[in-house]
Amino acid sequence: MGIENITKKEALTRVFSAATEYKNNLVDQSLLFVCTDKHKHTYHLEVTFDASNFLHMTGFETRIKPQHFFEMCLDRRLTENDFEFSDDGTTPLKMLALPKLVKKSLSANMLGDYNMSQPKLYTEKIAGGVYACVGFIRTGKYGRYVPNTVLEGDIRKKVKQADRIVLTYRKKRGEEKYSEIVYAAKKVDWNKIKLPQGYEYLPLPEMSPILAHIVPAKPEATQHDQKNEERDILSAIVTYRDIGWNDDQILEKLEQRFALSEEEALEYMIKAE
């Protein structure tokens, strides 16, 4: 059965599982994205997550108040009679994207300003990857950025410019400073990263043992080997594009042929553009 034919029962199973991960990873937490644009300038975006935001991420239509909705999902008390799928048909797509977007880092390696490609959708900032992303809006003129939607598909088609996230930090609400790194991009010279003003205290990967499980050590390669591998990968991307492959096909092939992670393959594709 395709995702477009998902039943309410199947949607509940996905939402119940996602609610638990959302609680464990994101509720009452803030994330700080440190990004670099195409000019290698560094900037940041801070977002926060409340229990009440979860409803907006599901695409469900309900009269239940957002906080109570989340509690019912956690307790698995929500029933098929408590909600309807959105009339615009986006709920099944949100069900496909949601499991990827309740991780500590949102599975996000890119960030950008929404390009208004979906006229009925209002959001401002989008963070994510090639398969799914989260939209954020500001609460008030100078308020916090909070999630208001999830989107299935490639973030690069939904933002004006997809900038690279090089680091993502997490802290609990009420904590003064960030210290936990939940995402670090690969193949980054951390000595050249200028941390945003006001966040110069942030730990960098080589200084933080917390990254041992995020960036596993690899056998050392010579600079010559690395340059040859990069040349071969970039050449392969050009070839695949010339024969008409789409981005998903190219990503899958790069991961298989060169034993790359999805993140590494994506970084090479961005570099080849």
C-alpha atoms as a PDB file:
ATOM      1  CA  MET A   1       0.000   0.000   0.000  1.00  0.00           C
ATOM      2  CA  GLY A   2       1.387   3.392  -1.007  1.00  0.00           C
ATOM      3  CA  ILE A   3       1.769   6.152   1.535  1.00  0.00           C
ATOM      4  CA  GLU A   4      -1.012   8.090  -0.230  1.00  0.00           C
ATOM      5  CA  ASN A   5      -3.431   5.311   0.802  1.00  0.00           C
ATOM      6  CA  ILE A   6      -2.399   5.226   4.445  1.00  0.00           C
ATOM      7  CA  THR A   7      -5.232   4.423   6.828  1.00  0.00           C
ATOM      8  CA  LYS A   8      -6.057   6.221  10.056  1.00  0.00           C
ATOM      9  CA  LYS A   9      -4.940   3.147  11.995  1.00  0.00           C
ATOM     10  CA  GLU A  10      -1.548   3.180  10.290  1.00  0.00           C
ATOM     11  CA  ALA A  11      -1.236   6.933  10.824  1.00  0.00           C
ATOM     12  CA  LEU A  12      -1.883   6.495  14.549  1.00  0.00           C
ATOM     13  CA  THR A  13       0.889   3.915  14.797  1.00  0.00           C
ATOM     14  CA  ARG A  14       3.334   6.364  13.223  1.00  0.00           C
ATOM     15  CA  VAL A  15       2.184   9.289  15.345  1.00  0.00           C
ATOM     16  CA  PHE A  16       2.336   7.351  18.622  1.00  0.00           C
ATOM     17  CA  SER A  17       5.927   6.308  17.905  1.00  0.00           C
ATOM     18  CA  ALA A  18       6.899   9.820  16.792  1.00  0.00           C
ATOM     19  CA  ALA A  19       5.347  11.380  19.913  1.00  0.00           C
ATOM     20  CA  THR A  20       7.607   9.309  22.161  1.00  0.00           C
ATOM     21  CA  GLU A  21      10.723  10.316  20.215  1.00  0.00           C
ATOM     22  CA  TYR A  22       9.604  13.937  20.118  1.00  0.00           C
ATOM     23  CA  LYS A  23       9.231  13.928  23.900  1.00  0.00           C
ATOM     24  CA  ASN A  24      12.592  12.254  24.491  1.00  0.00           C
ATOM     25  CA  ASN A  25      14.558  14.312  21.990  1.00  0.00           C
ATOM     26  CA  LEU A  26      12.945  17.713  21.538  1.00  0.00           C
ATOM     27  CA  VAL A  27      10.245  18.766  24.019  1.00  0.00           C
ATOM     28  CA  ASP A  28      11.448  21.720  26.123  1.00  0.00           C
ATOM     29  CA  GLN A  29      14.717  21.727  24.193  1.00  0.00           C
ATOM     30  CA  SER A  30      16.377  24.321  22.004  1.00  0.00           C
ATOM     31  CA  LEU A  31      18.531  23.625  18.967  1.00  0.00           C
ATOM     32  CA  LEU A  32      21.187  25.973  17.658  1.00  0.00           C
ATOM     33  CA  PHE A  33      22.074  25.522  13.987  1.00  0.00           C
ATOM     34  CA  VAL A  34      25.463  26.888  12.930  1.00  0.00           C
ATOM     35  CA  CYS A  35      25.481  27.288   9.150  1.00  0.00           C
ATOM     36  CA  THR A  36      27.753  28.436   6.345  1.00  0.00           C
ATOM     37  CA  ASP A  37      26.432  30.125   3.215  1.00  0.00           C
ATOM     38  CA  LYS A  38      27.849  29.909  -0.318  1.00  0.00           C
ATOM     39  CA  HIS A  39      30.364  32.624   0.578  1.00  0.00           C
ATOM     40  CA  LYS A  40      31.548  30.575   3.588  1.00  0.00           C
ATOM     41  CA  HIS A  41      30.098  33.153   5.986  1.00  0.00           C
ATOM     42  CA  THR A  42      28.860  31.684   9.262  1.00  0.00           C
ATOM     43  CA  TYR A  43      25.476  32.430  10.799  1.00  0.00           C
ATOM     44  CA  HIS A  44      23.113  30.742  13.232  1.00  0.00           C
ATOM     45  CA  LEU A  45      19.451  30.035  13.916  1.00  0.00           C
ATOM     46  CA  GLU A  46      17.974  29.033  17.261  1.00  0.00           C
ATOM     47  CA  VAL A  47      14.704  27.087  17.438  1.00  0.00           C
ATOM     48  CA  THR A  48      12.716  25.707  20.370  1.00  0.00           C
ATOM     49  CA  PHE A  49      10.201  22.912  20.792  1.00  0.00           C
ATOM     50  CA  ASP A  50       7.083  22.717  22.949  1.00  0.00           C
ATOM     51  CA  ALA A  51       4.732  19.791  23.491  1.00  0.00           C
ATOM     52  CA  SER A  52       1.979  21.863  21.855  1.00  0.00           C
ATOM     53  CA  ASN A  53       3.908  22.091  18.555  1.00  0.00           C
ATOM     54  CA  PHE A  54       3.546  18.377  17.856  1.00  0.00           C
ATOM     55  CA  LEU A  55      -0.018  18.607  16.527  1.00  0.00           C
ATOM     56  CA  HIS A  56       1.078  20.983  13.746  1.00  0.00           C
ATOM     57  CA  MET A  57       3.699  18.458  12.645  1.00  0.00           C
ATOM     58  CA  THR A  58       1.170  15.658  12.083  1.00  0.00           C
ATOM     59  CA  GLY A  59      -1.224  17.220   9.606  1.00  0.00           C
ATOM     60  CA  PHE A  60      -4.188  15.986  11.653  1.00  0.00           C
ATOM     61  CA  GLU A  61      -7.355  18.078  11.884  1.00  0.00           C
ATOM     62  CA  THR A  62      -8.898  17.911  15.366  1.00  0.00           C
ATOM     63  CA  ARG A  63     -10.808  19.935  17.938  1.00  0.00           C
ATOM     64  CA  ILE A  64      -8.528  18.650  20.688  1.00  0.00           C
ATOM     65  CA  LYS A  65      -6.233  21.309  22.150  1.00  0.00           C
ATOM     66  CA  PRO A  66      -2.569  20.864  21.098  1.00  0.00           C
ATOM     67  CA  GLN A  67      -1.203  20.103  24.582  1.00  0.00           C
ATOM     68  CA  HIS A  68      -3.913  17.536  25.294  1.00  0.00           C
ATOM     69  CA  PHE A  69      -3.463  16.036  21.808  1.00  0.00           C
ATOM     70  CA  PHE A  70       0.207  15.390  22.522  1.00  0.00           C
ATOM     71  CA  GLU A  71      -0.566  13.808  25.891  1.00  0.00           C
ATOM     72  CA  MET A  72      -3.138  11.539  24.253  1.00  0.00           C
ATOM     73  CA  CYS A  73      -0.566  10.474  21.656  1.00  0.00           C
ATOM     74  CA  LEU A  74       1.983   9.678  24.353  1.00  0.00           C
ATOM     75  CA  ASP A  75      -0.590   7.609  26.239  1.00  0.00           C
ATOM     76  CA  ARG A  76      -1.856   6.043  22.991  1.00  0.00           C
ATOM     77  CA  ARG A  77      -5.375   7.191  23.850  1.00  0.00           C
ATOM     78  CA  LEU A  78      -6.018   9.059  20.596  1.00  0.00           C
ATOM     79  CA  THR A  79      -8.556   7.195  18.450  1.00  0.00           C
ATOM     80  CA  GLU A  80      -9.557   7.272  14.803  1.00  0.00           C
ATOM     81  CA  ASN A  81     -12.666   9.236  15.780  1.00  0.00           C
ATOM     82  CA  ASP A  82     -10.580  12.039  17.312  1.00  0.00           C
ATOM     83  CA  PHE A  83      -9.119  13.418  14.076  1.00  0.00           C
ATOM     84  CA  GLU A  84      -9.404  13.739  10.299  1.00  0.00           C
ATOM     85  CA  PHE A  85      -6.746  13.961   7.627  1.00  0.00           C
ATOM     86  CA  SER A  86      -6.153  17.441   6.243  1.00  0.00           C
ATOM     87  CA  ASP A  87      -8.347  18.323   3.255  1.00  0.00           C
ATOM     88  CA  ASP A  88      -5.301  19.397   1.235  1.00  0.00           C
ATOM     89  CA  GLY A  89      -4.020  15.817   1.083  1.00  0.00           C
ATOM     90  CA  THR A  90      -0.729  16.536   2.873  1.00  0.00           C
ATOM     91  CA  THR A  91      -1.288  14.324   5.918  1.00  0.00           C
ATOM     92  CA  PRO A  92       0.049  11.108   4.276  1.00  0.00           C
ATOM     93  CA  LEU A  93       3.176  12.989   3.191  1.00  0.00           C
ATOM     94  CA  LYS A  94       3.682  14.265   6.732  1.00  0.00           C
ATOM     95  CA  MET A  95       3.364  10.685   7.982  1.00  0.00           C
ATOM     96  CA  LEU A  96       6.201   9.736   5.639  1.00  0.00           C
ATOM     97  CA  ALA A  97       8.414  12.585   6.806  1.00  0.00           C
ATOM     98  CA  LEU A  98       7.638  12.704  10.534  1.00  0.00           C
ATOM     99  CA  PRO A  99       9.772   9.751  11.778  1.00  0.00           C
ATOM    100  CA  LYS A 100      12.897  11.359  10.303  1.00  0.00           C
ATOM    101  CA  LEU A 101      12.189  14.706  11.969  1.00  0.00           C
ATOM    102  CA  VAL A 102      11.863  13.788  15.644  1.00  0.00           C
ATOM    103  CA  LYS A 103      15.559  12.956  16.058  1.00  0.00           C
ATOM    104  CA  LYS A 104      17.841  15.077  18.231  1.00  0.00           C
ATOM    105  CA  SER A 105      19.168  16.932  15.204  1.00  0.00           C
ATOM    106  CA  LEU A 106      15.975  16.707  13.098  1.00  0.00           C
ATOM    107  CA  SER A 107      18.136  14.748  10.619  1.00  0.00           C
ATOM    108  CA  ALA A 108      18.901  18.221   9.248  1.00  0.00           C
ATOM    109  CA  ASN A 109      22.021  19.142   7.288  1.00  0.00           C
ATOM    110  CA  MET A 110      20.678  22.171   5.374  1.00  0.00           C
ATOM    111  CA  LEU A 111      18.797  25.348   6.261  1.00  0.00           C
ATOM    112  CA  GLY A 112      17.159  28.124   4.285  1.00  0.00           C
ATOM    113  CA  ASP A 113      14.398  30.707   3.897  1.00  0.00           C
ATOM    114  CA  TYR A 114      11.114  29.330   2.575  1.00  0.00           C
ATOM    115  CA  ASN A 115      10.654  30.132  -1.132  1.00  0.00           C
ATOM    116  CA  MET A 116       6.822  30.199  -1.142  1.00  0.00           C
ATOM    117  CA  SER A 117       6.737  27.240  -3.541  1.00  0.00           C
ATOM    118  CA  GLN A 118       3.509  25.993  -1.932  1.00  0.00           C
ATOM    119  CA  PRO A 119       1.115  28.982  -1.910  1.00  0.00           C
ATOM    120  CA  LYS A 120      -1.188  27.577   0.786  1.00  0.00           C
ATOM    121  CA  LEU A 121       1.685  26.889   3.171  1.00  0.00           C
ATOM    122  CA  TYR A 122       2.927  29.547   5.567  1.00  0.00           C
ATOM    123  CA  THR A 123       6.299  29.046   7.189  1.00  0.00           C
ATOM    124  CA  GLU A 124       9.517  31.068   7.378  1.00  0.00           C
ATOM    125  CA  LYS A 125      12.640  28.977   7.930  1.00  0.00           C
ATOM    126  CA  ILE A 126      13.153  25.362   6.844  1.00  0.00           C
ATOM    127  CA  ALA A 127      15.700  22.853   8.160  1.00  0.00           C
ATOM    128  CA  GLY A 128      16.153  19.343   6.824  1.00  0.00           C
ATOM    129  CA  GLY A 129      17.685  17.199   4.119  1.00  0.00           C
ATOM    130  CA  VAL A 130      16.856  15.627   0.775  1.00  0.00           C
ATOM    131  CA  TYR A 131      13.976  13.504   2.088  1.00  0.00           C
ATOM    132  CA  ALA A 132      12.197  15.580   4.745  1.00  0.00           C
ATOM    133  CA  CYS A 133      12.305  18.942   6.524  1.00  0.00           C
ATOM    134  CA  VAL A 134      10.726  21.037   9.286  1.00  0.00           C
ATOM    135  CA  GLY A 135       9.268  24.512   8.845  1.00  0.00           C
ATOM    136  CA  PHE A 136       9.607  27.156  11.572  1.00  0.00           C
ATOM    137  CA  ILE A 137       7.782  30.415  12.292  1.00  0.00           C
ATOM    138  CA  ARG A 138       8.609  33.181  14.741  1.00  0.00           C
ATOM    139  CA  THR A 139       6.235  33.679  17.651  1.00  0.00           C
ATOM    140  CA  GLY A 140       5.770  37.436  17.655  1.00  0.00           C
ATOM    141  CA  LYS A 141       8.075  40.015  16.102  1.00  0.00           C
ATOM    142  CA  TYR A 142      11.042  39.139  18.306  1.00  0.00           C
ATOM    143  CA  GLY A 143       9.869  35.796  19.681  1.00  0.00           C
ATOM    144  CA  ARG A 144      11.180  32.271  19.400  1.00  0.00           C
ATOM    145  CA  TYR A 145      11.248  30.176  16.257  1.00  0.00           C
ATOM    146  CA  VAL A 146       9.013  27.119  16.741  1.00  0.00           C
ATOM    147  CA  PRO A 147       8.011  24.299  14.361  1.00  0.00           C
ATOM    148  CA  ASN A 148       4.714  24.717  12.519  1.00  0.00           C
ATOM    149  CA  THR A 149       4.887  22.056   9.795  1.00  0.00           C
ATOM    150  CA  VAL A 150       6.805  19.121   8.388  1.00  0.00           C
ATOM    151  CA  LEU A 151       7.383  18.575   4.690  1.00  0.00           C
ATOM    152  CA  GLU A 152       8.242  15.509   2.668  1.00  0.00           C
ATOM    153  CA  GLY A 153      10.837  15.881  -0.061  1.00  0.00           C
ATOM    154  CA  ASP A 154      14.047  17.716  -0.897  1.00  0.00           C
ATOM    155  CA  ILE A 155      14.655  20.908   1.083  1.00  0.00           C
ATOM    156  CA  ARG A 156      16.530  22.413  -1.864  1.00  0.00           C
ATOM    157  CA  LYS A 157      13.244  22.688  -3.743  1.00  0.00           C
ATOM    158  CA  LYS A 158      11.573  24.520  -0.866  1.00  0.00           C
ATOM    159  CA  VAL A 159      14.091  27.228   0.060  1.00  0.00           C
ATOM    160  CA  LYS A 160      15.615  30.226  -1.702  1.00  0.00           C
ATOM    161  CA  GLN A 161      19.135  29.001  -0.935  1.00  0.00           C
ATOM    162  CA  ALA A 162      20.041  25.794   0.878  1.00  0.00           C
ATOM    163  CA  ASP A 163      22.925  26.586   3.218  1.00  0.00           C
ATOM    164  CA  ARG A 164      24.983  23.916   4.890  1.00  0.00           C
ATOM    165  CA  ILE A 165      24.504  23.161   8.586  1.00  0.00           C
ATOM    166  CA  VAL A 166      27.966  22.443   9.967  1.00  0.00           C
ATOM    167  CA  LEU A 167      27.040  22.051  13.640  1.00  0.00           C
ATOM    168  CA  THR A 168      23.877  21.570  15.667  1.00  0.00           C
ATOM    169  CA  TYR A 169      23.830  22.035  19.435  1.00  0.00           C
ATOM    170  CA  ARG A 170      21.085  21.166  21.899  1.00  0.00           C
ATOM    171  CA  LYS A 171      20.228  22.439  25.373  1.00  0.00           C
ATOM    172  CA  LYS A 172      17.331  22.124  27.770  1.00  0.00           C
ATOM    173  CA  ARG A 173      15.079  25.103  28.310  1.00  0.00           C
ATOM    174  CA  GLY A 174      16.407  27.099  31.220  1.00  0.00           C
ATOM    175  CA  GLU A 175      20.036  26.160  30.628  1.00  0.00           C
ATOM    176  CA  GLU A 176      22.176  29.199  29.945  1.00  0.00           C
ATOM    177  CA  LYS A 177      24.645  27.750  27.457  1.00  0.00           C
ATOM    178  CA  TYR A 178      24.830  25.067  24.802  1.00  0.00           C
ATOM    179  CA  SER A 179      27.308  22.241  25.317  1.00  0.00           C
ATOM    180  CA  GLU A 180      25.841  19.136  23.631  1.00  0.00           C
ATOM    181  CA  ILE A 181      26.697  18.607  19.967  1.00  0.00           C
ATOM    182  CA  VAL A 182      24.033  16.503  18.261  1.00  0.00           C
ATOM    183  CA  TYR A 183      25.258  16.928  14.679  1.00  0.00           C
ATOM    184  CA  ALA A 184      28.583  17.737  13.055  1.00  0.00           C
ATOM    185  CA  ALA A 185      29.174  17.867   9.314  1.00  0.00           C
ATOM    186  CA  LYS A 186      32.015  15.840   7.919  1.00  0.00           C
ATOM    187  CA  LYS A 187      35.068  17.019   6.031  1.00  0.00           C
ATOM    188  CA  VAL A 188      35.145  20.358   7.850  1.00  0.00           C
ATOM    189  CA  ASP A 189      38.312  22.135   8.931  1.00  0.00           C
ATOM    190  CA  TRP A 190      37.123  23.212  12.364  1.00  0.00           C
ATOM    191  CA  ASN A 191      40.069  25.568  12.749  1.00  0.00           C
ATOM    192  CA  LYS A 192      38.549  27.703   9.979  1.00  0.00           C
ATOM    193  CA  ILE A 193      35.020  27.830  11.414  1.00  0.00           C
ATOM    194  CA  LYS A 194      34.238  31.201  12.991  1.00  0.00           C
ATOM    195  CA  LEU A 195      31.549  30.705  15.597  1.00  0.00           C
ATOM    196  CA  PRO A 196      28.685  33.240  15.650  1.00  0.00           C
ATOM    197  CA  GLN A 197      28.991  36.314  17.854  1.00  0.00           C
ATOM    198  CA  GLY A 198      27.848  35.511  21.357  1.00  0.00           C
ATOM    199  CA  TYR A 199      28.492  31.801  20.883  1.00  0.00           C
ATOM    200  CA  GLU A 200      32.279  31.802  20.837  1.00  0.00           C
ATOM    201  CA  TYR A 201      32.226  29.524  23.890  1.00  0.00           C
ATOM    202  CA  LEU A 202      30.719  26.602  21.956  1.00  0.00           C
ATOM    203  CA  PRO A 203      32.804  23.410  21.932  1.00  0.00           C
ATOM    204  CA  LEU A 204      34.103  22.233  18.576  1.00  0.00           C
ATOM    205  CA  PRO A 205      34.153  18.564  17.574  1.00  0.00           C
ATOM    206  CA  GLU A 206      37.818  17.834  18.173  1.00  0.00           C
ATOM    207  CA  MET A 207      37.387  19.267  21.671  1.00  0.00           C
ATOM    208  CA  SER A 208      34.296  17.235  22.524  1.00  0.00           C
ATOM    209  CA  PRO A 209      34.329  13.501  23.371  1.00  0.00           C
ATOM    210  CA  ILE A 210      30.536  13.519  23.039  1.00  0.00           C
ATOM    211  CA  LEU A 211      31.026  13.207  19.289  1.00  0.00           C
ATOM    212  CA  ALA A 212      32.632   9.776  19.495  1.00  0.00           C
ATOM    213  CA  HIS A 213      29.325   8.091  18.603  1.00  0.00           C
ATOM    214  CA  ILE A 214      28.412  10.667  15.943  1.00  0.00           C
ATOM    215  CA  VAL A 215      31.656  10.877  13.982  1.00  0.00           C
ATOM    216  CA  PRO A 216      33.356   7.477  14.176  1.00  0.00           C
ATOM    217  CA  ALA A 217      37.058   7.378  13.533  1.00  0.00           C
ATOM    218  CA  LYS A 218      38.149   6.248  10.072  1.00  0.00           C
ATOM    219  CA  PRO A 219      41.500   4.893   8.898  1.00  0.00           C
ATOM    220  CA  GLU A 220      43.783   7.756   7.959  1.00  0.00           C
ATOM    221  CA  ALA A 221      44.119   8.499   4.272  1.00  0.00           C
ATOM    222  CA  THR A 222      46.829  10.523   2.588  1.00  0.00           C
ATOM    223  CA  GLN A 223      45.993  13.917   1.166  1.00  0.00           C
ATOM    224  CA  HIS A 224      46.710  12.503  -2.299  1.00  0.00           C
ATOM    225  CA  ASP A 225      44.211   9.659  -1.773  1.00  0.00           C
ATOM    226  CA  GLN A 226      41.556  12.087  -0.569  1.00  0.00           C
ATOM    227  CA  LYS A 227      41.981  14.361  -3.593  1.00  0.00           C
ATOM    228  CA  ASN A 228      41.770  11.408  -5.976  1.00  0.00           C
ATOM    229  CA  GLU A 229      38.614  10.128  -4.294  1.00  0.00           C
ATOM    230  CA  GLU A 230      36.999  13.564  -4.418  1.00  0.00           C
ATOM    231  CA  ARG A 231      37.881  13.925  -8.105  1.00  0.00           C
ATOM    232  CA  ASP A 232      36.365  10.519  -8.898  1.00  0.00           C
ATOM    233  CA  ILE A 233      33.171  11.263  -6.983  1.00  0.00           C
ATOM    234  CA  LEU A 234      32.648  14.687  -8.569  1.00  0.00           C
ATOM    235  CA  SER A 235      33.314  13.216 -11.997  1.00  0.00           C
ATOM    236  CA  ALA A 236      30.766  10.476 -11.353  1.00  0.00           C
ATOM    237  CA  ILE A 237      28.125  13.047 -10.347  1.00  0.00           C
ATOM    238  CA  VAL A 238      28.639  14.949 -13.608  1.00  0.00           C
ATOM    239  CA  THR A 239      28.279  11.710 -15.563  1.00  0.00           C
ATOM    240  CA  TYR A 240      25.101  10.668 -13.745  1.00  0.00           C
ATOM    241  CA  ARG A 241      23.541  14.084 -14.325  1.00  0.00           C
ATOM    242  CA  ASP A 242      24.475  13.993 -18.008  1.00  0.00           C
ATOM    243  CA  ILE A 243      22.575  10.739 -18.479  1.00  0.00           C
ATOM    244  CA  GLY A 244      19.496  12.199 -16.812  1.00  0.00           C
ATOM    245  CA  TRP A 245      19.501  10.650 -13.351  1.00  0.00           C
ATOM    246  CA  ASN A 246      17.591  12.491 -10.649  1.00  0.00           C
ATOM    247  CA  ASP A 247      19.131  13.455  -7.311  1.00  0.00           C
ATOM    248  CA  ASP A 248      17.707  10.488  -5.415  1.00  0.00           C
ATOM    249  CA  GLN A 249      19.169   8.050  -7.934  1.00  0.00           C
ATOM    250  CA  ILE A 250      22.548   9.769  -7.786  1.00  0.00           C
ATOM    251  CA  LEU A 251      22.593   9.761  -3.978  1.00  0.00           C
ATOM    252  CA  GLU A 252      21.827   6.066  -3.828  1.00  0.00           C
ATOM    253  CA  LYS A 253      24.515   5.263  -6.402  1.00  0.00           C
ATOM    254  CA  LEU A 254      27.175   7.342  -4.634  1.00  0.00           C
ATOM    255  CA  GLU A 255      26.415   5.653  -1.316  1.00  0.00           C
ATOM    256  CA  GLN A 256      26.784   2.216  -2.928  1.00  0.00           C
ATOM    257  CA  ARG A 257      29.750   2.860  -5.224  1.00  0.00           C
ATOM    258  CA  PHE A 258      31.924   4.914  -2.882  1.00  0.00           C
ATOM    259  CA  ALA A 259      30.696   3.595   0.505  1.00  0.00           C
ATOM    260  CA  LEU A 260      29.505   7.064   1.501  1.00  0.00           C
ATOM    261  CA  SER A 261      26.934   8.004   4.087  1.00  0.00           C
ATOM    262  CA  GLU A 262      23.866   9.899   2.866  1.00  0.00           C
ATOM    263  CA  GLU A 263      25.309  13.061   4.379  1.00  0.00           C
ATOM    264  CA  GLU A 264      28.687  12.636   2.653  1.00  0.00           C
ATOM    265  CA  ALA A 265      27.036  11.930  -0.703  1.00  0.00           C
ATOM    266  CA  LEU A 266      24.855  15.012  -0.355  1.00  0.00           C
ATOM    267  CA  GLU A 267      27.845  17.216   0.440  1.00  0.00           C
ATOM    268  CA  TYR A 268      29.579  16.069  -2.747  1.00  0.00           C
ATOM    269  CA  MET A 269      26.422  16.776  -4.777  1.00  0.00           C
ATOM    270  CA  ILE A 270      26.243  20.306  -3.369  1.00  0.00           C
ATOM    271  CA  LYS A 271      29.937  20.802  -4.163  1.00  0.00           C
ATOM    272  CA  ALA A 272      29.370  19.617  -7.748  1.00  0.00           C
ATOM    273  CA  GLU A 273      26.658  22.207  -8.448  1.00  0.00           C
END
